[in-house]
Amino acid sequence: MGRSREKVMEVVEKRLGELEERLTRNGIDDIPVGVENMGNRGEFGGPLEDILDICSLSDILVPMIDWGHLQATSDGSLEGPDDFLAVLGLVEDRLGRDGLGGTCHQFSQVEYSDGMERKHVAYDQGDMRLEDLLEALEETGLSETTLISESPSMEDHRKMLGIVRAAKEGGVQ
C-alpha cells in the first residue's frame, strides 16, 4: 500500500505485540500463528525472506510456505527436490531447526508470469511436482509435517492424497 519495507515491519512488530498480549490475556499463547508468503514478488511478503523476518520476531510465529506462491515469485525455480531443499535450508538457516520443524506447507499448482501468481490451475497443468517436495521434506527429516492442498478441485485433492500415500509407502520417485 505504498509503504516502505521498513514501515511495514514497524507496523507488523507493533501488531504482533498487540496480538501476543491479547493471546496471553486470553490464555491461548501456546498456539502457533502462521505467516504465509504472498504470490506477488513486488509486494511485502512476496519474497520468502520477508516472512522469515516476521517469524524471527516471535516464537509463536511459524512460516506457512505456500509453494505455489513461491513458484510464482521465483518464476518457476522449483524444478526438482534440490530446489525445495534449498528453500528448506534457508528456513533452517534463518529460524533454526525448531523454526523449520514448525513450518506448514501449502501446495497447489499456479499459473504465473512476471513474478506474480495469476490463478490456480489443475494439478496436471502446473510445473511443480509434489513428489519433489515430499522427497525434500523426507530428506530434511520433516516427513511428519502439515501439508495443505490448496487445489481448486476435489480431483486434484485425490491425486495429491494418492501421491502422499505412495510416498509414505516408499514410492517417492
N, C-alpha and C. Protein backbone atom coordinates (compact mmCIF):
# COMPACT_ATOMS: atom_id res chain seq x y z
N MET A 1 0.83 -1.20 0.00
CA MET A 1 0.00 0.00 0.00
C MET A 1 0.87 1.25 0.00
N GLY A 2 1.99 1.16 -0.70
CA GLY A 2 2.83 2.32 -0.83
C GLY A 2 3.81 2.56 0.31
N ARG A 3 3.81 1.69 1.32
CA ARG A 3 4.74 1.85 2.44
C ARG A 3 6.06 1.18 2.13
N SER A 4 7.11 1.70 2.72
CA SER A 4 8.41 1.06 2.57
C SER A 4 8.43 -0.23 3.38
N ARG A 5 9.36 -1.11 3.05
CA ARG A 5 9.51 -2.37 3.78
C ARG A 5 9.74 -2.09 5.26
N GLU A 6 10.53 -1.08 5.57
CA GLU A 6 10.83 -0.74 6.97
C GLU A 6 9.56 -0.32 7.71
N LYS A 7 8.73 0.47 7.06
CA LYS A 7 7.47 0.91 7.68
C LYS A 7 6.54 -0.28 7.91
N VAL A 8 6.49 -1.17 6.94
CA VAL A 8 5.64 -2.35 7.09
C VAL A 8 6.12 -3.18 8.27
N MET A 9 7.43 -3.37 8.39
CA MET A 9 7.96 -4.14 9.51
C MET A 9 7.65 -3.47 10.85
N GLU A 10 7.69 -2.15 10.90
CA GLU A 10 7.31 -1.43 12.13
C GLU A 10 5.87 -1.74 12.51
N VAL A 11 4.97 -1.69 11.53
CA VAL A 11 3.56 -1.97 11.79
C VAL A 11 3.39 -3.42 12.23
N VAL A 12 4.08 -4.33 11.55
CA VAL A 12 3.99 -5.75 11.89
C VAL A 12 4.45 -5.97 13.34
N GLU A 13 5.56 -5.38 13.72
CA GLU A 13 6.07 -5.55 15.09
C GLU A 13 5.07 -5.01 16.12
N LYS A 14 4.49 -3.87 15.82
CA LYS A 14 3.50 -3.29 16.74
C LYS A 14 2.28 -4.20 16.86
N ARG A 15 1.76 -4.63 15.74
CA ARG A 15 0.57 -5.50 15.75
C ARG A 15 0.88 -6.85 16.40
N LEU A 16 2.07 -7.35 16.17
CA LEU A 16 2.47 -8.61 16.79
C LEU A 16 2.48 -8.49 18.30
N GLY A 17 3.01 -7.39 18.81
CA GLY A 17 2.99 -7.17 20.26
C GLY A 17 1.57 -7.15 20.80
N GLU A 18 0.66 -6.51 20.07
CA GLU A 18 -0.75 -6.46 20.48
C GLU A 18 -1.36 -7.86 20.44
N LEU A 19 -1.03 -8.63 19.40
CA LEU A 19 -1.55 -9.99 19.28
C LEU A 19 -1.05 -10.87 20.42
N GLU A 20 0.24 -10.82 20.70
CA GLU A 20 0.80 -11.63 21.79
C GLU A 20 0.16 -11.26 23.12
N GLU A 21 -0.04 -9.99 23.35
CA GLU A 21 -0.67 -9.53 24.60
C GLU A 21 -2.10 -10.06 24.70
N ARG A 22 -2.83 -9.98 23.61
CA ARG A 22 -4.22 -10.46 23.60
C ARG A 22 -4.29 -11.97 23.82
N LEU A 23 -3.42 -12.71 23.15
CA LEU A 23 -3.41 -14.17 23.31
C LEU A 23 -3.06 -14.55 24.75
N THR A 24 -2.05 -13.90 25.32
CA THR A 24 -1.65 -14.18 26.70
C THR A 24 -2.79 -13.86 27.66
N ARG A 25 -3.40 -12.72 27.45
CA ARG A 25 -4.52 -12.30 28.32
C ARG A 25 -5.66 -13.32 28.29
N ASN A 26 -5.84 -13.98 27.14
CA ASN A 26 -6.92 -14.96 27.00
C ASN A 26 -6.47 -16.40 27.20
N GLY A 27 -5.22 -16.57 27.66
CA GLY A 27 -4.73 -17.90 27.99
C GLY A 27 -4.51 -18.81 26.81
N ILE A 28 -4.28 -18.25 25.64
CA ILE A 28 -4.07 -19.09 24.44
C ILE A 28 -2.76 -18.72 23.75
N ASP A 29 -1.73 -18.50 24.56
CA ASP A 29 -0.45 -18.08 23.99
C ASP A 29 0.45 -19.24 23.58
N ASP A 30 -0.08 -20.46 23.61
CA ASP A 30 0.72 -21.61 23.21
C ASP A 30 0.31 -22.15 21.84
N ILE A 31 -0.45 -21.37 21.09
CA ILE A 31 -0.91 -21.78 19.77
C ILE A 31 -0.08 -21.06 18.72
N PRO A 32 0.52 -21.81 17.79
CA PRO A 32 1.32 -21.14 16.76
C PRO A 32 0.44 -20.33 15.80
N VAL A 33 0.99 -19.26 15.31
CA VAL A 33 0.31 -18.39 14.35
C VAL A 33 1.10 -18.44 13.05
N GLY A 34 0.45 -18.84 11.97
CA GLY A 34 1.11 -18.97 10.69
C GLY A 34 1.21 -17.67 9.93
N VAL A 35 2.33 -17.49 9.25
CA VAL A 35 2.56 -16.32 8.40
C VAL A 35 2.88 -16.85 7.00
N GLU A 36 2.02 -16.52 6.04
CA GLU A 36 2.14 -17.07 4.69
C GLU A 36 2.82 -16.09 3.74
N ASN A 37 3.67 -16.64 2.87
CA ASN A 37 4.26 -15.82 1.80
C ASN A 37 3.20 -15.53 0.74
N MET A 38 3.34 -14.38 0.11
CA MET A 38 2.38 -13.91 -0.89
C MET A 38 2.80 -14.35 -2.29
N GLY A 39 1.89 -14.21 -3.23
CA GLY A 39 2.12 -14.65 -4.60
C GLY A 39 2.53 -13.56 -5.56
N ASN A 40 3.05 -12.44 -5.02
CA ASN A 40 3.49 -11.34 -5.87
C ASN A 40 4.85 -10.88 -5.38
N ARG A 41 5.87 -11.08 -6.19
CA ARG A 41 7.23 -10.73 -5.80
C ARG A 41 7.37 -9.25 -5.44
N GLY A 42 6.54 -8.39 -6.03
CA GLY A 42 6.66 -6.96 -5.82
C GLY A 42 6.01 -6.43 -4.56
N GLU A 43 5.28 -7.26 -3.82
CA GLU A 43 4.63 -6.77 -2.60
C GLU A 43 5.32 -7.34 -1.37
N PHE A 44 5.13 -6.66 -0.24
CA PHE A 44 5.70 -7.16 1.00
C PHE A 44 5.12 -8.54 1.27
N GLY A 45 5.98 -9.47 1.62
CA GLY A 45 5.53 -10.84 1.85
C GLY A 45 5.68 -11.73 0.63
N GLY A 46 5.98 -11.13 -0.52
CA GLY A 46 6.25 -11.93 -1.72
C GLY A 46 7.56 -12.68 -1.58
N PRO A 47 8.64 -11.98 -1.27
CA PRO A 47 9.88 -12.71 -1.02
C PRO A 47 9.78 -13.51 0.29
N LEU A 48 10.17 -14.76 0.26
CA LEU A 48 10.11 -15.60 1.46
C LEU A 48 10.88 -14.98 2.61
N GLU A 49 11.93 -14.25 2.30
CA GLU A 49 12.74 -13.61 3.34
C GLU A 49 11.90 -12.68 4.21
N ASP A 50 10.89 -12.01 3.63
CA ASP A 50 10.01 -11.15 4.42
C ASP A 50 9.30 -11.96 5.50
N ILE A 51 8.82 -13.13 5.13
CA ILE A 51 8.09 -13.98 6.08
C ILE A 51 9.04 -14.49 7.16
N LEU A 52 10.25 -14.84 6.77
CA LEU A 52 11.23 -15.31 7.75
C LEU A 52 11.62 -14.20 8.71
N ASP A 53 11.71 -12.97 8.21
CA ASP A 53 11.98 -11.83 9.10
C ASP A 53 10.86 -11.67 10.13
N ILE A 54 9.64 -11.79 9.68
CA ILE A 54 8.50 -11.67 10.60
C ILE A 54 8.53 -12.80 11.62
N CYS A 55 8.74 -14.02 11.15
CA CYS A 55 8.73 -15.18 12.06
C CYS A 55 9.86 -15.11 13.08
N SER A 56 10.93 -14.43 12.75
CA SER A 56 12.05 -14.32 13.70
C SER A 56 11.73 -13.38 14.86
N LEU A 57 10.62 -12.67 14.77
CA LEU A 57 10.25 -11.71 15.82
C LEU A 57 9.63 -12.37 17.05
N SER A 58 9.09 -13.59 16.89
CA SER A 58 8.38 -14.22 18.00
C SER A 58 8.37 -15.73 17.85
N ASP A 59 8.41 -16.41 18.98
CA ASP A 59 8.35 -17.88 18.97
C ASP A 59 6.97 -18.42 18.60
N ILE A 60 5.94 -17.58 18.66
CA ILE A 60 4.60 -18.10 18.32
C ILE A 60 4.36 -18.10 16.82
N LEU A 61 5.22 -17.45 16.05
CA LEU A 61 5.03 -17.36 14.60
C LEU A 61 5.73 -18.49 13.88
N VAL A 62 5.03 -19.07 12.90
CA VAL A 62 5.61 -20.14 12.08
C VAL A 62 5.37 -19.83 10.61
N PRO A 63 6.33 -20.20 9.77
CA PRO A 63 6.13 -19.97 8.33
C PRO A 63 5.09 -20.92 7.75
N MET A 64 4.21 -20.37 6.97
CA MET A 64 3.27 -21.14 6.15
C MET A 64 3.79 -20.99 4.73
N ILE A 65 4.56 -21.95 4.28
CA ILE A 65 5.16 -21.83 2.95
C ILE A 65 4.13 -22.23 1.91
N ASP A 66 3.73 -21.26 1.12
CA ASP A 66 2.83 -21.52 0.00
C ASP A 66 3.73 -21.75 -1.21
N TRP A 67 3.89 -23.02 -1.56
CA TRP A 67 4.84 -23.39 -2.62
C TRP A 67 4.39 -22.88 -3.98
N GLY A 68 3.10 -22.78 -4.22
CA GLY A 68 2.62 -22.18 -5.47
C GLY A 68 3.01 -20.72 -5.56
N HIS A 69 2.85 -20.00 -4.45
CA HIS A 69 3.27 -18.60 -4.42
C HIS A 69 4.77 -18.48 -4.65
N LEU A 70 5.52 -19.37 -4.01
CA LEU A 70 6.97 -19.33 -4.16
C LEU A 70 7.38 -19.65 -5.60
N GLN A 71 6.69 -20.58 -6.23
CA GLN A 71 6.96 -20.90 -7.63
C GLN A 71 6.70 -19.68 -8.51
N ALA A 72 5.63 -18.95 -8.20
CA ALA A 72 5.30 -17.76 -8.99
C ALA A 72 6.32 -16.65 -8.78
N THR A 73 6.65 -16.36 -7.53
CA THR A 73 7.55 -15.24 -7.26
C THR A 73 8.99 -15.52 -7.70
N SER A 74 9.31 -16.80 -7.86
CA SER A 74 10.66 -17.15 -8.33
C SER A 74 10.67 -17.51 -9.81
N ASP A 75 9.58 -17.22 -10.50
CA ASP A 75 9.46 -17.50 -11.93
C ASP A 75 9.79 -18.95 -12.28
N GLY A 76 9.30 -19.88 -11.45
CA GLY A 76 9.41 -21.30 -11.79
C GLY A 76 10.69 -21.98 -11.38
N SER A 77 11.32 -21.52 -10.31
CA SER A 77 12.62 -22.09 -9.92
C SER A 77 12.53 -23.45 -9.24
N LEU A 78 11.35 -23.88 -8.84
CA LEU A 78 11.22 -25.16 -8.13
C LEU A 78 11.07 -26.30 -9.14
N GLU A 79 12.22 -26.78 -9.63
CA GLU A 79 12.24 -27.76 -10.70
C GLU A 79 12.54 -29.19 -10.24
N GLY A 80 13.00 -29.35 -8.99
CA GLY A 80 13.33 -30.68 -8.50
C GLY A 80 13.55 -30.66 -7.01
N PRO A 81 13.80 -31.81 -6.41
CA PRO A 81 13.97 -31.89 -4.95
C PRO A 81 15.03 -30.95 -4.40
N ASP A 82 16.12 -30.76 -5.14
CA ASP A 82 17.19 -29.89 -4.65
C ASP A 82 16.73 -28.45 -4.49
N ASP A 83 15.82 -28.02 -5.34
CA ASP A 83 15.30 -26.65 -5.24
C ASP A 83 14.44 -26.49 -3.99
N PHE A 84 13.64 -27.49 -3.69
CA PHE A 84 12.84 -27.47 -2.47
C PHE A 84 13.76 -27.54 -1.24
N LEU A 85 14.80 -28.37 -1.34
CA LEU A 85 15.77 -28.48 -0.24
C LEU A 85 16.46 -27.15 0.04
N ALA A 86 16.78 -26.42 -1.01
CA ALA A 86 17.43 -25.12 -0.83
C ALA A 86 16.53 -24.16 -0.04
N VAL A 87 15.24 -24.18 -0.34
CA VAL A 87 14.29 -23.32 0.39
C VAL A 87 14.20 -23.75 1.85
N LEU A 88 14.07 -25.05 2.07
CA LEU A 88 14.00 -25.55 3.45
C LEU A 88 15.29 -25.24 4.20
N GLY A 89 16.43 -25.29 3.51
CA GLY A 89 17.70 -24.93 4.13
C GLY A 89 17.74 -23.46 4.52
N LEU A 90 17.17 -22.61 3.69
CA LEU A 90 17.10 -21.19 4.01
C LEU A 90 16.27 -20.96 5.27
N VAL A 91 15.14 -21.65 5.36
CA VAL A 91 14.30 -21.53 6.56
C VAL A 91 15.07 -21.97 7.79
N GLU A 92 15.76 -23.11 7.70
CA GLU A 92 16.52 -23.60 8.85
C GLU A 92 17.67 -22.65 9.20
N ASP A 93 18.34 -22.11 8.20
CA ASP A 93 19.44 -21.15 8.47
C ASP A 93 18.92 -19.93 9.21
N ARG A 94 17.74 -19.46 8.85
CA ARG A 94 17.20 -18.23 9.42
C ARG A 94 16.49 -18.45 10.76
N LEU A 95 15.78 -19.59 10.90
CA LEU A 95 14.94 -19.79 12.09
C LEU A 95 15.38 -20.95 12.96
N GLY A 96 16.42 -21.67 12.54
CA GLY A 96 16.89 -22.81 13.31
C GLY A 96 16.06 -24.05 13.04
N ARG A 97 16.51 -25.13 13.64
CA ARG A 97 15.82 -26.41 13.42
C ARG A 97 14.39 -26.38 13.95
N ASP A 98 14.17 -25.75 15.09
CA ASP A 98 12.81 -25.65 15.62
C ASP A 98 11.92 -24.85 14.69
N GLY A 99 12.45 -23.78 14.13
CA GLY A 99 11.67 -22.96 13.19
C GLY A 99 11.31 -23.74 11.94
N LEU A 100 12.26 -24.52 11.45
CA LEU A 100 11.98 -25.36 10.29
C LEU A 100 10.94 -26.41 10.63
N GLY A 101 11.07 -27.02 11.80
CA GLY A 101 10.14 -28.07 12.21
C GLY A 101 8.72 -27.58 12.39
N GLY A 102 8.54 -26.29 12.63
CA GLY A 102 7.21 -25.74 12.82
C GLY A 102 6.51 -25.31 11.55
N THR A 103 7.19 -25.42 10.42
CA THR A 103 6.60 -24.95 9.17
C THR A 103 5.38 -25.77 8.78
N CYS A 104 4.47 -25.11 8.09
CA CYS A 104 3.34 -25.77 7.43
C CYS A 104 3.53 -25.52 5.94
N HIS A 105 3.02 -26.42 5.13
CA HIS A 105 3.27 -26.37 3.69
C HIS A 105 1.96 -26.42 2.93
N GLN A 106 1.74 -25.41 2.09
CA GLN A 106 0.57 -25.37 1.21
C GLN A 106 1.05 -25.68 -0.20
N PHE A 107 0.34 -26.56 -0.86
CA PHE A 107 0.77 -26.94 -2.20
C PHE A 107 -0.40 -26.85 -3.16
N SER A 108 -0.19 -26.16 -4.25
CA SER A 108 -1.12 -26.13 -5.37
C SER A 108 -0.35 -25.66 -6.59
N GLN A 109 -0.87 -25.98 -7.72
CA GLN A 109 -0.26 -25.52 -8.96
C GLN A 109 -0.84 -24.16 -9.32
N VAL A 110 0.01 -23.30 -9.85
CA VAL A 110 -0.45 -21.97 -10.24
C VAL A 110 0.07 -21.60 -11.61
N GLU A 111 -0.69 -20.76 -12.26
CA GLU A 111 -0.22 -20.10 -13.48
C GLU A 111 0.40 -18.78 -13.01
N TYR A 112 1.53 -18.43 -13.58
CA TYR A 112 2.22 -17.23 -13.13
C TYR A 112 2.97 -16.59 -14.28
N SER A 113 3.29 -15.32 -14.10
CA SER A 113 4.18 -14.61 -15.02
C SER A 113 4.68 -13.36 -14.32
N ASP A 114 5.86 -12.93 -14.70
CA ASP A 114 6.45 -11.70 -14.16
C ASP A 114 6.48 -11.67 -12.63
N GLY A 115 6.79 -12.81 -12.01
CA GLY A 115 6.92 -12.86 -10.55
C GLY A 115 5.61 -12.75 -9.80
N MET A 116 4.49 -13.11 -10.47
CA MET A 116 3.19 -12.96 -9.82
C MET A 116 2.26 -14.14 -10.18
N GLU A 117 1.57 -14.64 -9.17
CA GLU A 117 0.57 -15.66 -9.40
C GLU A 117 -0.60 -15.04 -10.15
N ARG A 118 -1.05 -15.74 -11.18
CA ARG A 118 -2.22 -15.27 -11.93
C ARG A 118 -3.48 -16.01 -11.49
N LYS A 119 -3.36 -17.35 -11.34
CA LYS A 119 -4.51 -18.13 -10.89
C LYS A 119 -4.07 -19.55 -10.56
N HIS A 120 -4.90 -20.24 -9.78
CA HIS A 120 -4.67 -21.65 -9.50
C HIS A 120 -5.07 -22.44 -10.74
N VAL A 121 -4.35 -23.51 -10.99
CA VAL A 121 -4.67 -24.39 -12.13
C VAL A 121 -4.70 -25.83 -11.64
N ALA A 122 -5.22 -26.70 -12.47
CA ALA A 122 -5.29 -28.13 -12.13
C ALA A 122 -3.89 -28.69 -11.93
N TYR A 123 -3.80 -29.74 -11.11
CA TYR A 123 -2.51 -30.32 -10.77
C TYR A 123 -1.69 -30.66 -12.02
N ASP A 124 -2.32 -31.27 -13.02
CA ASP A 124 -1.61 -31.69 -14.23
C ASP A 124 -1.20 -30.53 -15.12
N GLN A 125 -1.66 -29.33 -14.83
CA GLN A 125 -1.31 -28.17 -15.65
C GLN A 125 -0.15 -27.36 -15.06
N GLY A 126 0.29 -27.73 -13.86
CA GLY A 126 1.36 -26.98 -13.21
C GLY A 126 2.73 -27.53 -13.55
N ASP A 127 3.75 -26.83 -13.07
CA ASP A 127 5.12 -27.25 -13.39
C ASP A 127 5.94 -27.65 -12.17
N MET A 128 5.28 -27.86 -11.03
CA MET A 128 5.98 -28.41 -9.85
C MET A 128 5.50 -29.84 -9.66
N ARG A 129 6.32 -30.60 -8.95
CA ARG A 129 5.93 -31.97 -8.61
C ARG A 129 5.85 -32.10 -7.10
N LEU A 130 4.71 -32.55 -6.63
CA LEU A 130 4.54 -32.78 -5.20
C LEU A 130 5.55 -33.81 -4.71
N GLU A 131 5.87 -34.78 -5.53
CA GLU A 131 6.86 -35.80 -5.16
C GLU A 131 8.20 -35.16 -4.79
N ASP A 132 8.57 -34.09 -5.50
CA ASP A 132 9.84 -33.41 -5.22
C ASP A 132 9.82 -32.75 -3.84
N LEU A 133 8.68 -32.12 -3.51
CA LEU A 133 8.55 -31.53 -2.18
C LEU A 133 8.60 -32.61 -1.11
N LEU A 134 7.88 -33.70 -1.31
CA LEU A 134 7.85 -34.77 -0.32
C LEU A 134 9.24 -35.38 -0.12
N GLU A 135 9.98 -35.53 -1.21
CA GLU A 135 11.35 -36.05 -1.10
C GLU A 135 12.23 -35.09 -0.28
N ALA A 136 12.08 -33.80 -0.52
CA ALA A 136 12.86 -32.81 0.22
C ALA A 136 12.47 -32.81 1.70
N LEU A 137 11.18 -32.90 1.98
CA LEU A 137 10.73 -32.95 3.37
C LEU A 137 11.29 -34.19 4.07
N GLU A 138 11.27 -35.31 3.39
CA GLU A 138 11.81 -36.55 3.94
C GLU A 138 13.31 -36.40 4.22
N GLU A 139 14.02 -35.83 3.28
CA GLU A 139 15.47 -35.68 3.43
C GLU A 139 15.83 -34.75 4.58
N THR A 140 14.98 -33.78 4.86
CA THR A 140 15.26 -32.86 5.97
C THR A 140 14.68 -33.37 7.28
N GLY A 141 14.08 -34.54 7.26
CA GLY A 141 13.53 -35.10 8.49
C GLY A 141 12.16 -34.54 8.85
N LEU A 142 11.47 -34.01 7.86
CA LEU A 142 10.14 -33.42 8.10
C LEU A 142 9.03 -34.23 7.47
N SER A 143 9.17 -35.54 7.49
CA SER A 143 8.14 -36.38 6.86
C SER A 143 6.83 -36.34 7.63
N GLU A 144 6.88 -35.95 8.89
CA GLU A 144 5.66 -35.78 9.69
C GLU A 144 5.41 -34.28 9.84
N THR A 145 4.75 -33.70 8.86
CA THR A 145 4.53 -32.27 8.85
C THR A 145 3.12 -31.97 8.35
N THR A 146 2.72 -30.74 8.42
CA THR A 146 1.40 -30.34 7.94
C THR A 146 1.51 -29.95 6.47
N LEU A 147 0.74 -30.61 5.64
CA LEU A 147 0.69 -30.34 4.21
C LEU A 147 -0.76 -30.04 3.85
N ILE A 148 -0.99 -28.88 3.27
CA ILE A 148 -2.35 -28.44 2.94
C ILE A 148 -2.48 -28.37 1.43
N SER A 149 -3.49 -29.03 0.89
CA SER A 149 -3.79 -28.92 -0.53
C SER A 149 -4.63 -27.68 -0.75
N GLU A 150 -4.16 -26.81 -1.62
CA GLU A 150 -4.89 -25.60 -1.94
C GLU A 150 -5.46 -25.66 -3.36
N SER A 151 -5.57 -26.84 -3.88
CA SER A 151 -6.04 -27.02 -5.23
C SER A 151 -7.50 -26.60 -5.36
N PRO A 152 -7.89 -26.17 -6.54
CA PRO A 152 -9.28 -25.76 -6.73
C PRO A 152 -10.25 -26.92 -6.94
N SER A 153 -9.77 -28.15 -7.01
CA SER A 153 -10.72 -29.24 -7.32
C SER A 153 -10.52 -30.46 -6.42
N MET A 154 -11.61 -31.16 -6.19
CA MET A 154 -11.55 -32.41 -5.41
C MET A 154 -10.72 -33.46 -6.14
N GLU A 155 -10.78 -33.48 -7.45
CA GLU A 155 -9.98 -34.44 -8.21
C GLU A 155 -8.49 -34.24 -7.91
N ASP A 156 -8.05 -32.98 -7.85
CA ASP A 156 -6.66 -32.70 -7.53
C ASP A 156 -6.33 -33.10 -6.09
N HIS A 157 -7.26 -32.86 -5.16
CA HIS A 157 -7.03 -33.28 -3.78
C HIS A 157 -6.80 -34.79 -3.74
N ARG A 158 -7.61 -35.54 -4.47
CA ARG A 158 -7.46 -37.00 -4.51
C ARG A 158 -6.12 -37.40 -5.12
N LYS A 159 -5.71 -36.73 -6.21
CA LYS A 159 -4.42 -37.03 -6.83
C LYS A 159 -3.29 -36.80 -5.84
N MET A 160 -3.34 -35.66 -5.18
CA MET A 160 -2.25 -35.34 -4.26
C MET A 160 -2.26 -36.27 -3.05
N LEU A 161 -3.42 -36.65 -2.58
CA LEU A 161 -3.50 -37.61 -1.48
C LEU A 161 -2.88 -38.94 -1.91
N GLY A 162 -3.13 -39.35 -3.14
CA GLY A 162 -2.52 -40.57 -3.67
C GLY A 162 -1.00 -40.47 -3.71
N ILE A 163 -0.48 -39.31 -4.09
CA ILE A 163 0.96 -39.09 -4.13
C ILE A 163 1.55 -39.17 -2.72
N VAL A 164 0.85 -38.56 -1.76
CA VAL A 164 1.33 -38.60 -0.38
C VAL A 164 1.30 -40.04 0.14
N ARG A 165 0.24 -40.75 -0.14
CA ARG A 165 0.16 -42.15 0.33
C ARG A 165 1.26 -42.99 -0.30
N ALA A 166 1.52 -42.80 -1.59
CA ALA A 166 2.59 -43.56 -2.24
C ALA A 166 3.95 -43.22 -1.61
N ALA A 167 4.13 -41.97 -1.26
CA ALA A 167 5.40 -41.56 -0.63
C ALA A 167 5.55 -42.22 0.73
N LYS A 168 4.46 -42.29 1.49
CA LYS A 168 4.52 -42.92 2.81
C LYS A 168 4.84 -44.41 2.70
N GLU A 169 4.45 -45.00 1.58
CA GLU A 169 4.71 -46.42 1.38
C GLU A 169 6.07 -46.65 0.70
N GLY A 170 6.84 -45.57 0.56
CA GLY A 170 8.17 -45.70 -0.04
C GLY A 170 8.20 -45.53 -1.52
N GLY A 171 7.15 -44.99 -2.08
CA GLY A 171 7.10 -44.86 -3.54
C GLY A 171 7.48 -43.51 -4.07
N VAL A 172 8.14 -42.66 -3.30
CA VAL A 172 8.55 -41.36 -3.81
C VAL A 172 9.65 -41.57 -4.83
N GLN A 173 9.48 -40.97 -6.02
CA GLN A 173 10.49 -41.13 -7.09
C GLN A 173 10.95 -39.77 -7.54
